[in-house]
Amino acid sequence: KKYPMIINGKKIFSDDCFKVRSPAD
């Protein structure tokens, strides 16, 4: 899933993202 930053009470999505991978796989 894609998650946002949260600033000033708002969820803000971005096209510039990094992937979070499991260190176990």
PDB file of all heavy atoms in Angstrom:
ATOM      1  N   LYS A   1       0.821  -1.207   0.000  1.00  0.00           N
ATOM      2  CA  LYS A   1       0.000   0.000   0.000  1.00  0.00           C
ATOM      3  C   LYS A   1       0.860   1.265   0.000  1.00  0.00           C
ATOM      4  O   LYS A   1       2.002   1.269   0.455  1.00  0.00           O
ATOM      5  CB  LYS A   1      -0.913   0.021   1.236  1.00  0.00           C
ATOM      6  CG  LYS A   1      -2.135  -0.868   1.130  1.00  0.00           C
ATOM      7  CD  LYS A   1      -2.995  -0.783   2.376  1.00  0.00           C
ATOM      8  CE  LYS A   1      -3.572   0.601   2.584  1.00  0.00           C
ATOM      9  NZ  LYS A   1      -4.498   0.657   3.742  1.00  0.00           N
ATOM     10  N   LYS A   2       0.286   2.319  -0.523  1.00  0.00           N
ATOM     11  CA  LYS A   2       0.937   3.623  -0.554  1.00  0.00           C
ATOM     12  C   LYS A   2       0.415   4.457   0.621  1.00  0.00           C
ATOM     13  O   LYS A   2      -0.807   4.531   0.846  1.00  0.00           O
ATOM     14  CB  LYS A   2       0.622   4.314  -1.878  1.00  0.00           C
ATOM     15  CG  LYS A   2       1.613   5.363  -2.296  1.00  0.00           C
ATOM     16  CD  LYS A   2       1.343   5.790  -3.746  1.00  0.00           C
ATOM     17  CE  LYS A   2       2.422   6.741  -4.224  1.00  0.00           C
ATOM     18  NZ  LYS A   2       2.211   7.125  -5.632  1.00  0.00           N
ATOM     19  N   TYR A   3       1.322   5.068   1.361  1.00  0.00           N
ATOM     20  CA  TYR A   3       0.943   5.836   2.543  1.00  0.00           C
ATOM     21  C   TYR A   3       1.339   7.301   2.363  1.00  0.00           C
ATOM     22  O   TYR A   3       2.270   7.625   1.616  1.00  0.00           O
ATOM     23  CB  TYR A   3       1.629   5.257   3.784  1.00  0.00           C
ATOM     24  CG  TYR A   3       1.126   3.887   4.159  1.00  0.00           C
ATOM     25  CD1 TYR A   3       1.657   2.748   3.561  1.00  0.00           C
ATOM     26  CD2 TYR A   3       0.108   3.721   5.095  1.00  0.00           C
ATOM     27  CE1 TYR A   3       1.198   1.484   3.889  1.00  0.00           C
ATOM     28  CE2 TYR A   3      -0.359   2.460   5.439  1.00  0.00           C
ATOM     29  CZ  TYR A   3       0.188   1.348   4.827  1.00  0.00           C
ATOM     30  OH  TYR A   3      -0.280   0.096   5.151  1.00  0.00           O
ATOM     31  N   PRO A   4       0.666   8.196   3.087  1.00  0.00           N
ATOM     32  CA  PRO A   4       0.940   9.632   2.922  1.00  0.00           C
ATOM     33  C   PRO A   4       1.856  10.177   4.015  1.00  0.00           C
ATOM     34  O   PRO A   4       2.098   9.536   5.044  1.00  0.00           O
ATOM     35  CB  PRO A   4      -0.452  10.233   3.089  1.00  0.00           C
ATOM     36  CG  PRO A   4      -1.101   9.338   4.114  1.00  0.00           C
ATOM     37  CD  PRO A   4      -0.568   7.952   3.851  1.00  0.00           C
ATOM     38  N   MET A   5       2.338  11.389   3.806  1.00  0.00           N
ATOM     39  CA  MET A   5       2.803  12.212   4.909  1.00  0.00           C
ATOM     40  C   MET A   5       1.557  12.826   5.544  1.00  0.00           C
ATOM     41  O   MET A   5       0.474  12.857   4.922  1.00  0.00           O
ATOM     42  CB  MET A   5       3.773  13.290   4.411  1.00  0.00           C
ATOM     43  CG  MET A   5       3.178  14.303   3.468  1.00  0.00           C
ATOM     44  SD  MET A   5       4.402  15.422   2.729  1.00  0.00           S
ATOM     45  CE  MET A   5       4.698  14.606   1.152  1.00  0.00           C
ATOM     46  N   ILE A   6       1.672  13.306   6.757  1.00  0.00           N
ATOM     47  CA  ILE A   6       0.540  13.979   7.418  1.00  0.00           C
ATOM     48  C   ILE A   6       1.034  15.338   7.898  1.00  0.00           C
ATOM     49  O   ILE A   6       1.933  15.416   8.747  1.00  0.00           O
ATOM     50  CB  ILE A   6      -0.013  13.138   8.583  1.00  0.00           C
ATOM     51  CG1 ILE A   6      -0.564  11.806   8.064  1.00  0.00           C
ATOM     52  CG2 ILE A   6      -1.107  13.917   9.329  1.00  0.00           C
ATOM     53  CD1 ILE A   6      -1.059  10.859   9.149  1.00  0.00           C
ATOM     54  N   ILE A   7       0.474  16.395   7.330  1.00  0.00           N
ATOM     55  CA  ILE A   7       0.886  17.761   7.656  1.00  0.00           C
ATOM     56  C   ILE A   7      -0.368  18.620   7.831  1.00  0.00           C
ATOM     57  O   ILE A   7      -1.269  18.590   6.988  1.00  0.00           O
ATOM     58  CB  ILE A   7       1.786  18.356   6.551  1.00  0.00           C
ATOM     59  CG1 ILE A   7       3.095  17.558   6.432  1.00  0.00           C
ATOM     60  CG2 ILE A   7       2.082  19.832   6.819  1.00  0.00           C
ATOM     61  CD1 ILE A   7       3.991  18.016   5.296  1.00  0.00           C
ATOM     62  N   ASN A   8      -0.416  19.340   8.940  1.00  0.00           N
ATOM     63  CA  ASN A   8      -1.522  20.271   9.223  1.00  0.00           C
ATOM     64  C   ASN A   8      -2.878  19.578   9.178  1.00  0.00           C
ATOM     65  O   ASN A   8      -3.869  20.120   8.664  1.00  0.00           O
ATOM     66  CB  ASN A   8      -1.496  21.450   8.243  1.00  0.00           C
ATOM     67  CG  ASN A   8      -2.287  22.635   8.766  1.00  0.00           C
ATOM     68  OD1 ASN A   8      -2.426  22.824   9.978  1.00  0.00           O
ATOM     69  ND2 ASN A   8      -2.826  23.437   7.859  1.00  0.00           N
ATOM     70  N   GLY A   9      -2.921  18.369   9.695  1.00  0.00           N
ATOM     71  CA  GLY A   9      -4.187  17.637   9.779  1.00  0.00           C
ATOM     72  C   GLY A   9      -4.645  17.021   8.481  1.00  0.00           C
ATOM     73  O   GLY A   9      -5.792  16.568   8.376  1.00  0.00           O
ATOM     74  N   LYS A  10      -3.770  16.978   7.475  1.00  0.00           N
ATOM     75  CA  LYS A  10      -4.165  16.431   6.169  1.00  0.00           C
ATOM     76  C   LYS A  10      -3.202  15.331   5.736  1.00  0.00           C
ATOM     77  O   LYS A  10      -1.989  15.431   5.934  1.00  0.00           O
ATOM     78  CB  LYS A  10      -4.178  17.537   5.106  1.00  0.00           C
ATOM     79  CG  LYS A  10      -5.180  18.645   5.382  1.00  0.00           C
ATOM     80  CD  LYS A  10      -5.043  19.765   4.359  1.00  0.00           C
ATOM     81  CE  LYS A  10      -5.990  20.923   4.682  1.00  0.00           C
ATOM     82  NZ  LYS A  10      -5.810  22.051   3.736  1.00  0.00           N
ATOM     83  N   LYS A  11      -3.750  14.306   5.111  1.00  0.00           N
ATOM     84  CA  LYS A  11      -2.943  13.262   4.483  1.00  0.00           C
ATOM     85  C   LYS A  11      -2.549  13.732   3.089  1.00  0.00           C
ATOM     86  O   LYS A  11      -3.412  14.096   2.290  1.00  0.00           O
ATOM     87  CB  LYS A  11      -3.733  11.956   4.394  1.00  0.00           C
ATOM     88  CG  LYS A  11      -4.024  11.307   5.743  1.00  0.00           C
ATOM     89  CD  LYS A  11      -4.759   9.986   5.569  1.00  0.00           C
ATOM     90  CE  LYS A  11      -4.990   9.288   6.899  1.00  0.00           C
ATOM     91  NZ  LYS A  11      -5.682   7.978   6.727  1.00  0.00           N
ATOM     92  N   ILE A  12      -1.254  13.711   2.826  1.00  0.00           N
ATOM     93  CA  ILE A  12      -0.748  14.210   1.541  1.00  0.00           C
ATOM     94  C   ILE A  12       0.060  13.096   0.873  1.00  0.00           C
ATOM     95  O   ILE A  12       1.098  12.673   1.389  1.00  0.00           O
ATOM     96  CB  ILE A  12       0.141  15.448   1.737  1.00  0.00           C
ATOM     97  CG1 ILE A  12      -0.633  16.552   2.477  1.00  0.00           C
ATOM     98  CG2 ILE A  12       0.658  15.960   0.391  1.00  0.00           C
ATOM     99  CD1 ILE A  12       0.228  17.703   2.947  1.00  0.00           C
ATOM    100  N   PHE A  13      -0.437  12.625  -0.253  1.00  0.00           N
ATOM    101  CA  PHE A  13       0.250  11.572  -0.990  1.00  0.00           C
ATOM    102  C   PHE A  13       1.246  12.188  -1.977  1.00  0.00           C
ATOM    103  O   PHE A  13       1.111  13.351  -2.371  1.00  0.00           O
ATOM    104  CB  PHE A  13      -0.752  10.686  -1.725  1.00  0.00           C
ATOM    105  CG  PHE A  13      -1.562   9.812  -0.814  1.00  0.00           C
ATOM    106  CD1 PHE A  13      -2.728  10.286  -0.230  1.00  0.00           C
ATOM    107  CD2 PHE A  13      -1.147   8.520  -0.518  1.00  0.00           C
ATOM    108  CE1 PHE A  13      -3.474   9.488   0.622  1.00  0.00           C
ATOM    109  CE2 PHE A  13      -1.888   7.711   0.333  1.00  0.00           C
ATOM    110  CZ  PHE A  13      -3.052   8.193   0.900  1.00  0.00           C
ATOM    111  N   SER A  14       2.228  11.400  -2.358  1.00  0.00           N
ATOM    112  CA  SER A  14       3.268  11.891  -3.258  1.00  0.00           C
ATOM    113  C   SER A  14       3.557  10.853  -4.342  1.00  0.00           C
ATOM    114  O   SER A  14       3.429   9.640  -4.104  1.00  0.00           O
ATOM    115  CB  SER A  14       4.550  12.174  -2.462  1.00  0.00           C
ATOM    116  OG  SER A  14       5.628  12.462  -3.328  1.00  0.00           O
ATOM    117  N   ASP A  15       3.955  11.333  -5.508  1.00  0.00           N
ATOM    118  CA  ASP A  15       4.390  10.421  -6.574  1.00  0.00           C
ATOM    119  C   ASP A  15       5.843   9.980  -6.374  1.00  0.00           C
ATOM    120  O   ASP A  15       6.270   8.972  -6.932  1.00  0.00           O
ATOM    121  CB  ASP A  15       4.257  11.107  -7.942  1.00  0.00           C
ATOM    122  CG  ASP A  15       2.802  11.356  -8.317  1.00  0.00           C
ATOM    123  OD1 ASP A  15       1.956  10.553  -7.907  1.00  0.00           O
ATOM    124  OD2 ASP A  15       2.530  12.362  -9.004  1.00  0.00           O
ATOM    125  N   ASP A  16       6.583  10.753  -5.580  1.00  0.00           N
ATOM    126  CA  ASP A  16       7.986  10.423  -5.316  1.00  0.00           C
ATOM    127  C   ASP A  16       8.059   9.658  -3.997  1.00  0.00           C
ATOM    128  O   ASP A  16       8.024  10.256  -2.917  1.00  0.00           O
ATOM    129  CB  ASP A  16       8.813  11.701  -5.243  1.00  0.00           C
ATOM    130  CG  ASP A  16      10.291  11.415  -4.988  1.00  0.00           C
ATOM    131  OD1 ASP A  16      10.703  10.241  -5.110  1.00  0.00           O
ATOM    132  OD2 ASP A  16      11.029  12.365  -4.646  1.00  0.00           O
ATOM    133  N   CYS A  17       8.158   8.341  -4.098  1.00  0.00           N
ATOM    134  CA  CYS A  17       8.105   7.482  -2.913  1.00  0.00           C
ATOM    135  C   CYS A  17       9.295   6.533  -2.855  1.00  0.00           C
ATOM    136  O   CYS A  17       9.928   6.227  -3.865  1.00  0.00           O
ATOM    137  CB  CYS A  17       6.824   6.648  -2.898  1.00  0.00           C
ATOM    138  SG  CYS A  17       5.330   7.621  -2.606  1.00  0.00           S
ATOM    139  N   PHE A  18       9.597   6.054  -1.656  1.00  0.00           N
ATOM    140  CA  PHE A  18      10.556   4.972  -1.491  1.00  0.00           C
ATOM    141  C   PHE A  18       9.811   3.727  -1.014  1.00  0.00           C
ATOM    142  O   PHE A  18       8.762   3.830  -0.366  1.00  0.00           O
ATOM    143  CB  PHE A  18      11.676   5.343  -0.518  1.00  0.00           C
ATOM    144  CG  PHE A  18      11.218   5.635   0.893  1.00  0.00           C
ATOM    145  CD1 PHE A  18      11.200   4.637   1.868  1.00  0.00           C
ATOM    146  CD2 PHE A  18      10.820   6.926   1.253  1.00  0.00           C
ATOM    147  CE1 PHE A  18      10.799   4.911   3.164  1.00  0.00           C
ATOM    148  CE2 PHE A  18      10.406   7.210   2.559  1.00  0.00           C
ATOM    149  CZ  PHE A  18      10.393   6.196   3.513  1.00  0.00           C
ATOM    150  N   LYS A  19      10.327   2.584  -1.360  1.00  0.00           N
ATOM    151  CA  LYS A  19       9.708   1.316  -0.983  1.00  0.00           C
ATOM    152  C   LYS A  19      10.276   0.820   0.348  1.00  0.00           C
ATOM    153  O   LYS A  19      11.479   0.879   0.582  1.00  0.00           O
ATOM    154  CB  LYS A  19       9.930   0.258  -2.071  1.00  0.00           C
ATOM    155  CG  LYS A  19       9.155   0.500  -3.363  1.00  0.00           C
ATOM    156  CD  LYS A  19       9.443  -0.605  -4.372  1.00  0.00           C
ATOM    157  CE  LYS A  19       8.489  -0.544  -5.568  1.00  0.00           C
ATOM    158  NZ  LYS A  19       8.605   0.710  -6.333  1.00  0.00           N
ATOM    159  N   VAL A  20       9.403   0.336   1.197  1.00  0.00           N
ATOM    160  CA  VAL A  20       9.805  -0.294   2.454  1.00  0.00           C
ATOM    161  C   VAL A  20       9.762  -1.802   2.246  1.00  0.00           C
ATOM    162  O   VAL A  20       8.699  -2.368   1.976  1.00  0.00           O
ATOM    163  CB  VAL A  20       8.868   0.111   3.612  1.00  0.00           C
ATOM    164  CG1 VAL A  20       9.303  -0.581   4.911  1.00  0.00           C
ATOM    165  CG2 VAL A  20       8.841   1.623   3.780  1.00  0.00           C
ATOM    166  N   ARG A  21      10.922  -2.431   2.341  1.00  0.00           N
ATOM    167  CA  ARG A  21      11.026  -3.882   2.125  1.00  0.00           C
ATOM    168  C   ARG A  21      11.344  -4.580   3.431  1.00  0.00           C
ATOM    169  O   ARG A  21      11.983  -4.013   4.313  1.00  0.00           O
ATOM    170  CB  ARG A  21      12.099  -4.189   1.082  1.00  0.00           C
ATOM    171  CG  ARG A  21      11.812  -3.614  -0.307  1.00  0.00           C
ATOM    172  CD  ARG A  21      12.934  -3.917  -1.287  1.00  0.00           C
ATOM    173  NE  ARG A  21      12.692  -3.307  -2.594  1.00  0.00           N
ATOM    174  CZ  ARG A  21      12.007  -3.899  -3.577  1.00  0.00           C
ATOM    175  NH1 ARG A  21      11.518  -5.125  -3.393  1.00  0.00           N
ATOM    176  NH2 ARG A  21      11.815  -3.280  -4.735  1.00  0.00           N
ATOM    177  N   SER A  22      10.936  -5.838   3.533  1.00  0.00           N
ATOM    178  CA  SER A  22      11.236  -6.605   4.729  1.00  0.00           C
ATOM    179  C   SER A  22      12.701  -7.020   4.722  1.00  0.00           C
ATOM    180  O   SER A  22      13.188  -7.570   3.728  1.00  0.00           O
ATOM    181  CB  SER A  22      10.360  -7.852   4.806  1.00  0.00           C
ATOM    182  OG  SER A  22      10.767  -8.662   5.907  1.00  0.00           O
ATOM    183  N   PRO A  23      13.440  -6.813   5.826  1.00  0.00           N
ATOM    184  CA  PRO A  23      14.828  -7.277   5.880  1.00  0.00           C
ATOM    185  C   PRO A  23      14.934  -8.802   5.902  1.00  0.00           C
ATOM    186  O   PRO A  23      15.998  -9.351   5.616  1.00  0.00           O
ATOM    187  CB  PRO A  23      15.354  -6.667   7.188  1.00  0.00           C
ATOM    188  CG  PRO A  23      14.134  -6.463   8.027  1.00  0.00           C
ATOM    189  CD  PRO A  23      13.041  -6.119   7.062  1.00  0.00           C
ATOM    190  N   ALA A  24      13.822  -9.476   6.202  1.00  0.00           N
ATOM    191  CA  ALA A  24      13.819 -10.941   6.201  1.00  0.00           C
ATOM    192  C   ALA A  24      13.557 -11.516   4.814  1.00  0.00           C
ATOM    193  O   ALA A  24      13.882 -12.673   4.538  1.00  0.00           O
ATOM    194  CB  ALA A  24      12.764 -11.463   7.177  1.00  0.00           C
ATOM    195  N   ASP A  25      12.960 -10.710   3.942  1.00  0.00           N
ATOM    196  CA  ASP A  25      12.681 -11.141   2.566  1.00  0.00           C
ATOM    197  C   ASP A  25      12.509  -9.882   1.725  1.00  0.00           C
ATOM    198  O   ASP A  25      11.433  -9.285   1.681  1.00  0.00           O
ATOM    199  CB  ASP A  25      11.415 -12.006   2.516  1.00  0.00           C
ATOM    200  CG  ASP A  25      11.137 -12.554   1.124  1.00  0.00           C
ATOM    201  OD1 ASP A  25      11.787 -12.093   0.159  1.00  0.00           O
ATOM    202  OD2 ASP A  25      10.264 -13.433   0.999  1.00  0.00           O
TER     203      ASP A  25
END
